[in-house]
Amino acid sequence: MPKKSRNPNFDQTIATLRANAFEVTPYAGVAGSMLVSKYGAAAVLVAAQAKDAPAAYAVRPGALVKGEVARLLDRGYQKFLKTAHFEIPATAGQLEAIHTFTEELKQVTGAISLYNEALGTTSDLYQYDRLKGREALHMTPTSPWELAGDH
């Protein structure tokens, strides 16, 4: 008789999330996905292709703003919540909710919890104002032994 897998499948993971007070609803944006929310934060989960994990992120955790999962944008001086329609400054309460939600979601789904992510909320995007526009410059790399200009 074949052994049963100790890893739950996607449907069992969704049932466990519901049992742990997560709100789970179907998500129309991605086929076969579920919107999981709690504390005003949410993520979209799909069945994972790998055998060792029951679920994967279709949309990473973020604040739930008007039914849409907002991405966390770090501009160096402040964090923002960015949706398809607008961008608003993130409050400390929203950042704490995202962090708590992410850690609980990882515990329930059995995902790996990384040390740097456990310390605080990590952003999806980093756009520092002093670096904005630098990627457009196409500088050719020079060798340090080559003379530059009139030298």
C-alpha atoms as a PDB file:
ATOM      1  CA  MET A   1       0.000   0.000   0.000  1.00  0.00           C
ATOM      2  CA  PRO A   2       1.493   3.410  -0.957  1.00  0.00           C
ATOM      3  CA  LYS A   3       2.317   5.806   1.857  1.00  0.00           C
ATOM      4  CA  LYS A   4       0.189   8.880   2.309  1.00  0.00           C
ATOM      5  CA  SER A   5       1.940  12.184   1.881  1.00  0.00           C
ATOM      6  CA  ARG A   6       2.406  14.218   5.047  1.00  0.00           C
ATOM      7  CA  ASN A   7       2.172  17.405   3.026  1.00  0.00           C
ATOM      8  CA  PRO A   8      -1.390  18.657   2.652  1.00  0.00           C
ATOM      9  CA  ASN A   9      -2.747  19.400  -0.798  1.00  0.00           C
ATOM     10  CA  PHE A  10      -4.098  22.798  -1.866  1.00  0.00           C
ATOM     11  CA  ASP A  11      -7.697  22.076  -0.795  1.00  0.00           C
ATOM     12  CA  GLN A  12      -6.564  20.881   2.636  1.00  0.00           C
ATOM     13  CA  THR A  13      -4.442  24.015   3.039  1.00  0.00           C
ATOM     14  CA  ILE A  14      -7.442  26.224   2.177  1.00  0.00           C
ATOM     15  CA  ALA A  15      -9.550  24.346   4.752  1.00  0.00           C
ATOM     16  CA  THR A  16      -6.828  24.856   7.372  1.00  0.00           C
ATOM     17  CA  LEU A  17      -6.700  28.579   6.571  1.00  0.00           C
ATOM     18  CA  ARG A  18     -10.480  28.845   7.042  1.00  0.00           C
ATOM     19  CA  ALA A  19     -10.188  26.980  10.359  1.00  0.00           C
ATOM     20  CA  ASN A  20      -7.587  29.535  11.505  1.00  0.00           C
ATOM     21  CA  ALA A  21      -9.912  32.533  10.920  1.00  0.00           C
ATOM     22  CA  PHE A  22      -8.558  33.518   7.494  1.00  0.00           C
ATOM     23  CA  GLU A  23     -11.185  34.734   5.036  1.00  0.00           C
ATOM     24  CA  VAL A  24     -10.844  32.733   1.815  1.00  0.00           C
ATOM     25  CA  THR A  25     -12.689  33.637  -1.407  1.00  0.00           C
ATOM     26  CA  PRO A  26     -12.153  32.758  -5.084  1.00  0.00           C
ATOM     27  CA  TYR A  27     -10.058  35.305  -6.992  1.00  0.00           C
ATOM     28  CA  ALA A  28     -11.142  36.197 -10.517  1.00  0.00           C
ATOM     29  CA  GLY A  29      -7.764  37.540 -11.700  1.00  0.00           C
ATOM     30  CA  VAL A  30      -5.961  34.166 -11.817  1.00  0.00           C
ATOM     31  CA  ALA A  31      -7.482  30.787 -12.719  1.00  0.00           C
ATOM     32  CA  GLY A  32      -7.809  28.398  -9.763  1.00  0.00           C
ATOM     33  CA  SER A  33      -6.621  30.944  -7.218  1.00  0.00           C
ATOM     34  CA  MET A  34      -7.948  32.004  -3.824  1.00  0.00           C
ATOM     35  CA  LEU A  35      -7.807  35.405  -2.130  1.00  0.00           C
ATOM     36  CA  VAL A  36      -6.768  34.880   1.494  1.00  0.00           C
ATOM     37  CA  SER A  37      -7.220  37.819   3.869  1.00  0.00           C
ATOM     38  CA  LYS A  38      -6.982  38.702   7.555  1.00  0.00           C
ATOM     39  CA  TYR A  39      -6.162  41.882   9.549  1.00  0.00           C
ATOM     40  CA  GLY A  40      -6.759  44.055   6.461  1.00  0.00           C
ATOM     41  CA  ALA A  41      -3.975  42.305   4.543  1.00  0.00           C
ATOM     42  CA  ALA A  42      -4.316  39.736   1.775  1.00  0.00           C
ATOM     43  CA  ALA A  43      -2.512  37.475  -0.690  1.00  0.00           C
ATOM     44  CA  VAL A  44      -3.576  35.371  -3.658  1.00  0.00           C
ATOM     45  CA  LEU A  45      -2.648  31.682  -3.453  1.00  0.00           C
ATOM     46  CA  VAL A  46      -2.562  29.052  -6.204  1.00  0.00           C
ATOM     47  CA  ALA A  47      -1.734  25.359  -6.111  1.00  0.00           C
ATOM     48  CA  ALA A  48       2.046  24.920  -6.177  1.00  0.00           C
ATOM     49  CA  GLN A  49       3.784  22.940  -8.898  1.00  0.00           C
ATOM     50  CA  ALA A  50       6.395  21.614  -6.452  1.00  0.00           C
ATOM     51  CA  LYS A  51       5.534  18.561  -4.381  1.00  0.00           C
ATOM     52  CA  ASP A  52       6.996  19.930  -1.139  1.00  0.00           C
ATOM     53  CA  ALA A  53       4.681  22.965  -0.956  1.00  0.00           C
ATOM     54  CA  PRO A  54       0.879  22.937  -1.178  1.00  0.00           C
ATOM     55  CA  ALA A  55       0.464  26.582  -2.215  1.00  0.00           C
ATOM     56  CA  ALA A  56       2.367  29.350  -3.975  1.00  0.00           C
ATOM     57  CA  TYR A  57       1.812  33.091  -4.250  1.00  0.00           C
ATOM     58  CA  ALA A  58       0.121  34.422  -7.362  1.00  0.00           C
ATOM     59  CA  VAL A  59       0.103  37.845  -5.648  1.00  0.00           C
ATOM     60  CA  ARG A  60       2.447  38.431  -2.704  1.00  0.00           C
ATOM     61  CA  PRO A  61       1.005  39.627   0.631  1.00  0.00           C
ATOM     62  CA  GLY A  62       0.040  43.268   0.878  1.00  0.00           C
ATOM     63  CA  ALA A  63      -2.620  45.556   2.301  1.00  0.00           C
ATOM     64  CA  LEU A  64      -6.144  45.041   1.032  1.00  0.00           C
ATOM     65  CA  VAL A  65      -7.237  48.374  -0.476  1.00  0.00           C
ATOM     66  CA  LYS A  66     -10.706  48.542  -2.076  1.00  0.00           C
ATOM     67  CA  GLY A  67     -10.674  44.811  -2.831  1.00  0.00           C
ATOM     68  CA  GLU A  68      -7.214  44.902  -4.420  1.00  0.00           C
ATOM     69  CA  VAL A  69      -3.954  43.654  -2.919  1.00  0.00           C
ATOM     70  CA  ALA A  70      -1.601  46.636  -2.809  1.00  0.00           C
ATOM     71  CA  ARG A  71       2.139  46.183  -3.341  1.00  0.00           C
ATOM     72  CA  LEU A  72       4.500  47.683  -0.803  1.00  0.00           C
ATOM     73  CA  LEU A  73       6.790  50.295  -2.359  1.00  0.00           C
ATOM     74  CA  ASP A  74       9.824  51.625  -0.480  1.00  0.00           C
ATOM     75  CA  ARG A  75      11.075  55.050  -1.520  1.00  0.00           C
ATOM     76  CA  GLY A  76      13.817  55.279   1.111  1.00  0.00           C
ATOM     77  CA  TYR A  77      12.126  57.965   3.185  1.00  0.00           C
ATOM     78  CA  GLN A  78       8.679  56.319   3.380  1.00  0.00           C
ATOM     79  CA  LYS A  79       6.774  53.203   2.357  1.00  0.00           C
ATOM     80  CA  PHE A  80       3.770  53.432   0.050  1.00  0.00           C
ATOM     81  CA  LEU A  81       0.901  51.112  -0.914  1.00  0.00           C
ATOM     82  CA  LYS A  82       0.642  50.934  -4.703  1.00  0.00           C
ATOM     83  CA  THR A  83      -2.376  49.594  -6.571  1.00  0.00           C
ATOM     84  CA  ALA A  84      -3.246  49.722 -10.254  1.00  0.00           C
ATOM     85  CA  HIS A  85      -5.178  52.964  -9.733  1.00  0.00           C
ATOM     86  CA  PHE A  86      -3.394  54.954  -7.032  1.00  0.00           C
ATOM     87  CA  GLU A  87      -0.571  55.154  -4.520  1.00  0.00           C
ATOM     88  CA  ILE A  88      -1.024  56.058  -0.839  1.00  0.00           C
ATOM     89  CA  PRO A  89       1.413  56.395   2.075  1.00  0.00           C
ATOM     90  CA  ALA A  90       1.492  53.283   4.279  1.00  0.00           C
ATOM     91  CA  THR A  91       0.683  53.680   7.963  1.00  0.00           C
ATOM     92  CA  ALA A  92       2.400  51.845  10.805  1.00  0.00           C
ATOM     93  CA  GLY A  93      -0.815  49.900  11.438  1.00  0.00           C
ATOM     94  CA  GLN A  94      -0.945  48.688   7.834  1.00  0.00           C
ATOM     95  CA  LEU A  95       2.705  47.613   7.915  1.00  0.00           C
ATOM     96  CA  GLU A  96       2.135  45.720  11.163  1.00  0.00           C
ATOM     97  CA  ALA A  97      -0.971  44.050   9.696  1.00  0.00           C
ATOM     98  CA  ILE A  98       0.956  42.929   6.585  1.00  0.00           C
ATOM     99  CA  HIS A  99       3.784  41.545   8.727  1.00  0.00           C
ATOM    100  CA  THR A 100       1.455  39.683  11.118  1.00  0.00           C
ATOM    101  CA  PHE A 101      -0.623  38.316   8.238  1.00  0.00           C
ATOM    102  CA  THR A 102       2.466  37.108   6.347  1.00  0.00           C
ATOM    103  CA  GLU A 103       3.946  35.335   9.367  1.00  0.00           C
ATOM    104  CA  GLU A 104       0.649  33.610  10.242  1.00  0.00           C
ATOM    105  CA  LEU A 105       0.117  32.589   6.610  1.00  0.00           C
ATOM    106  CA  LYS A 106       3.594  31.043   6.496  1.00  0.00           C
ATOM    107  CA  GLN A 107       2.952  29.099   9.707  1.00  0.00           C
ATOM    108  CA  VAL A 108      -0.379  27.713   8.543  1.00  0.00           C
ATOM    109  CA  THR A 109       0.791  26.798   5.027  1.00  0.00           C
ATOM    110  CA  GLY A 110       4.128  25.408   6.197  1.00  0.00           C
ATOM    111  CA  ALA A 111       6.170  27.828   4.100  1.00  0.00           C
ATOM    112  CA  ILE A 112       9.745  28.712   4.989  1.00  0.00           C
ATOM    113  CA  SER A 113      10.102  31.701   7.302  1.00  0.00           C
ATOM    114  CA  LEU A 114      13.309  33.619   6.605  1.00  0.00           C
ATOM    115  CA  TYR A 115      15.127  35.484   9.369  1.00  0.00           C
ATOM    116  CA  ASN A 116      15.265  38.869   7.626  1.00  0.00           C
ATOM    117  CA  GLU A 117      11.552  38.719   6.785  1.00  0.00           C
ATOM    118  CA  ALA A 118      10.659  37.738  10.361  1.00  0.00           C
ATOM    119  CA  LEU A 119      12.314  40.914  11.677  1.00  0.00           C
ATOM    120  CA  GLY A 120       9.894  43.239   9.911  1.00  0.00           C
ATOM    121  CA  THR A 121       7.929  44.017   6.794  1.00  0.00           C
ATOM    122  CA  THR A 122       9.874  43.748   3.538  1.00  0.00           C
ATOM    123  CA  SER A 123       8.904  45.709   0.440  1.00  0.00           C
ATOM    124  CA  ASP A 124       8.138  44.414  -3.041  1.00  0.00           C
ATOM    125  CA  LEU A 125       9.701  47.389  -4.841  1.00  0.00           C
ATOM    126  CA  TYR A 126      12.526  49.764  -3.931  1.00  0.00           C
ATOM    127  CA  GLN A 127      12.657  53.162  -5.686  1.00  0.00           C
ATOM    128  CA  TYR A 128      15.003  55.624  -4.068  1.00  0.00           C
ATOM    129  CA  ASP A 129      14.670  59.197  -5.336  1.00  0.00           C
ATOM    130  CA  ARG A 130      18.423  59.726  -5.708  1.00  0.00           C
ATOM    131  CA  LEU A 131      18.701  56.668  -7.931  1.00  0.00           C
ATOM    132  CA  LYS A 132      15.636  57.339 -10.071  1.00  0.00           C
ATOM    133  CA  GLY A 133      16.603  57.725 -13.716  1.00  0.00           C
ATOM    134  CA  ARG A 134      20.101  56.275 -13.398  1.00  0.00           C
ATOM    135  CA  GLU A 135      19.105  53.056 -15.107  1.00  0.00           C
ATOM    136  CA  ALA A 136      18.476  55.058 -18.322  1.00  0.00           C
ATOM    137  CA  LEU A 137      22.137  56.072 -18.587  1.00  0.00           C
ATOM    138  CA  HIS A 138      24.089  53.626 -20.702  1.00  0.00           C
ATOM    139  CA  MET A 139      27.643  54.087 -19.560  1.00  0.00           C
ATOM    140  CA  THR A 140      30.228  51.848 -21.128  1.00  0.00           C
ATOM    141  CA  PRO A 141      32.434  50.251 -18.522  1.00  0.00           C
ATOM    142  CA  THR A 142      36.041  51.371 -18.741  1.00  0.00           C
ATOM    143  CA  SER A 143      39.060  49.488 -17.578  1.00  0.00           C
ATOM    144  CA  PRO A 144      41.000  51.157 -14.759  1.00  0.00           C
ATOM    145  CA  TRP A 145      44.287  50.899 -16.689  1.00  0.00           C
ATOM    146  CA  GLU A 146      42.941  52.846 -19.691  1.00  0.00           C
ATOM    147  CA  LEU A 147      43.541  56.583 -19.805  1.00  0.00           C
ATOM    148  CA  ALA A 148      40.465  58.772 -19.696  1.00  0.00           C
ATOM    149  CA  GLY A 149      40.269  62.162 -21.423  1.00  0.00           C
ATOM    150  CA  ASP A 150      43.537  64.153 -21.690  1.00  0.00           C
ATOM    151  CA  HIS A 151      45.488  62.194 -19.078  1.00  0.00           C
END
